Amino acid sequence: MSFGRNPHVAKAEAAEQKALGARDAAACAQAWREAGHLWERAAERETDAKRRALYTAKAEAARTAADTPPV
């Protein structure tokens, strides 16, 4: 792990990819919820207000995606 980098960003992006590739609706929703949680953790660790707002918005979008059924 490198110093000064937010590790939760990469984890959240990986969770989003997992959600997009999920075959089961329950697995997809769970992966989106995990992505939302990780984006929230990334926002908590961020010192830059612009990036914090971006990560918070991504957390809300991930939770919204978890609540909507996949197409």
C-alpha atoms as a PDB file:
ATOM      1  CA  MET A   1       0.000   0.000   0.000  1.00  0.00           C
ATOM      2  CA  SER A   2       1.327   3.400  -0.835  1.00  0.00           C
ATOM      3  CA  PHE A   3       1.203   6.261   1.600  1.00  0.00           C
ATOM      4  CA  GLY A   4      -1.067   9.195   0.911  1.00  0.00           C
ATOM      5  CA  ARG A   5      -3.512   7.288  -1.284  1.00  0.00           C
ATOM      6  CA  ASN A   6      -7.060   6.453  -0.367  1.00  0.00           C
ATOM      7  CA  PRO A   7      -7.334   2.645  -0.565  1.00  0.00           C
ATOM      8  CA  HIS A   8     -11.128   2.674  -0.424  1.00  0.00           C
ATOM      9  CA  VAL A   9     -11.418   4.237  -3.874  1.00  0.00           C
ATOM     10  CA  ALA A  10      -9.920   1.196  -5.604  1.00  0.00           C
ATOM     11  CA  LYS A  11     -11.997  -1.150  -3.460  1.00  0.00           C
ATOM     12  CA  ALA A  12     -15.180   0.756  -4.287  1.00  0.00           C
ATOM     13  CA  GLU A  13     -14.410   0.674  -8.002  1.00  0.00           C
ATOM     14  CA  ALA A  14     -13.800  -3.082  -7.770  1.00  0.00           C
ATOM     15  CA  ALA A  15     -17.137  -3.530  -5.992  1.00  0.00           C
ATOM     16  CA  GLU A  16     -18.863  -1.579  -8.770  1.00  0.00           C
ATOM     17  CA  GLN A  17     -17.298  -3.854 -11.377  1.00  0.00           C
ATOM     18  CA  LYS A  18     -18.438  -6.860  -9.363  1.00  0.00           C
ATOM     19  CA  ALA A  19     -21.974  -5.460  -9.290  1.00  0.00           C
ATOM     20  CA  LEU A  20     -21.990  -4.882 -13.035  1.00  0.00           C
ATOM     21  CA  GLY A  21     -20.846  -8.446 -13.646  1.00  0.00           C
ATOM     22  CA  ALA A  22     -23.209 -10.129 -11.184  1.00  0.00           C
ATOM     23  CA  ARG A  23     -25.600 -12.636 -12.672  1.00  0.00           C
ATOM     24  CA  ASP A  24     -27.954 -12.805  -9.703  1.00  0.00           C
ATOM     25  CA  ALA A  25     -30.135  -9.865  -8.627  1.00  0.00           C
ATOM     26  CA  ALA A  26     -29.353 -10.432  -4.951  1.00  0.00           C
ATOM     27  CA  ALA A  27     -25.612 -10.559  -5.610  1.00  0.00           C
ATOM     28  CA  CYS A  28     -25.876  -7.413  -7.700  1.00  0.00           C
ATOM     29  CA  ALA A  29     -27.710  -5.534  -4.936  1.00  0.00           C
ATOM     30  CA  GLN A  30     -25.229  -6.714  -2.320  1.00  0.00           C
ATOM     31  CA  ALA A  31     -22.273  -5.603  -4.438  1.00  0.00           C
ATOM     32  CA  TRP A  32     -23.850  -2.170  -4.989  1.00  0.00           C
ATOM     33  CA  ARG A  33     -24.417  -1.801  -1.243  1.00  0.00           C
ATOM     34  CA  GLU A  34     -20.801  -2.751  -0.600  1.00  0.00           C
ATOM     35  CA  ALA A  35     -19.686  -0.198  -3.191  1.00  0.00           C
ATOM     36  CA  GLY A  36     -21.808   2.454  -1.481  1.00  0.00           C
ATOM     37  CA  HIS A  37     -20.248   1.630   1.870  1.00  0.00           C
ATOM     38  CA  LEU A  38     -16.744   1.807   0.439  1.00  0.00           C
ATOM     39  CA  TRP A  39     -17.428   5.124  -1.310  1.00  0.00           C
ATOM     40  CA  GLU A  40     -18.667   6.472   2.017  1.00  0.00           C
ATOM     41  CA  ARG A  41     -15.482   5.321   3.732  1.00  0.00           C
ATOM     42  CA  ALA A  42     -13.429   6.913   0.965  1.00  0.00           C
ATOM     43  CA  ALA A  43     -15.301  10.180   1.499  1.00  0.00           C
ATOM     44  CA  GLU A  44     -14.595  10.052   5.248  1.00  0.00           C
ATOM     45  CA  ARG A  45     -10.857   9.754   4.641  1.00  0.00           C
ATOM     46  CA  GLU A  46     -10.694  12.446   1.966  1.00  0.00           C
ATOM     47  CA  THR A  47      -9.380  15.890   2.850  1.00  0.00           C
ATOM     48  CA  ASP A  48     -10.231  17.595  -0.447  1.00  0.00           C
ATOM     49  CA  ALA A  49     -13.818  18.893  -0.323  1.00  0.00           C
ATOM     50  CA  LYS A  50     -14.373  18.439  -4.066  1.00  0.00           C
ATOM     51  CA  ARG A  51     -13.354  14.775  -3.994  1.00  0.00           C
ATOM     52  CA  ARG A  52     -15.309  14.215  -0.774  1.00  0.00           C
ATOM     53  CA  ALA A  53     -18.457  15.512  -2.487  1.00  0.00           C
ATOM     54  CA  LEU A  54     -17.766  13.309  -5.511  1.00  0.00           C
ATOM     55  CA  TYR A  55     -17.319  10.200  -3.356  1.00  0.00           C
ATOM     56  CA  THR A  56     -20.466  10.988  -1.376  1.00  0.00           C
ATOM     57  CA  ALA A  57     -22.429  11.346  -4.609  1.00  0.00           C
ATOM     58  CA  LYS A  58     -21.063   8.020  -5.839  1.00  0.00           C
ATOM     59  CA  ALA A  59     -22.100   6.396  -2.547  1.00  0.00           C
ATOM     60  CA  GLU A  60     -25.653   7.669  -2.972  1.00  0.00           C
ATOM     61  CA  ALA A  61     -25.736   6.529  -6.604  1.00  0.00           C
ATOM     62  CA  ALA A  62     -24.525   3.060  -5.615  1.00  0.00           C
ATOM     63  CA  ARG A  63     -27.211   2.765  -2.941  1.00  0.00           C
ATOM     64  CA  THR A  64     -29.835   3.893  -5.438  1.00  0.00           C
ATOM     65  CA  ALA A  65     -28.603   1.261  -7.882  1.00  0.00           C
ATOM     66  CA  ALA A  66     -28.886  -1.358  -5.141  1.00  0.00           C
ATOM     67  CA  ASP A  67     -32.530  -0.452  -4.534  1.00  0.00           C
ATOM     68  CA  THR A  68     -33.543  -0.496  -8.201  1.00  0.00           C
ATOM     69  CA  PRO A  69     -33.979  -3.879  -9.864  1.00  0.00           C
ATOM     70  CA  PRO A  70     -31.514  -4.738 -12.647  1.00  0.00           C
ATOM     71  CA  VAL A  71     -32.755  -4.567 -16.225  1.00  0.00           C
END
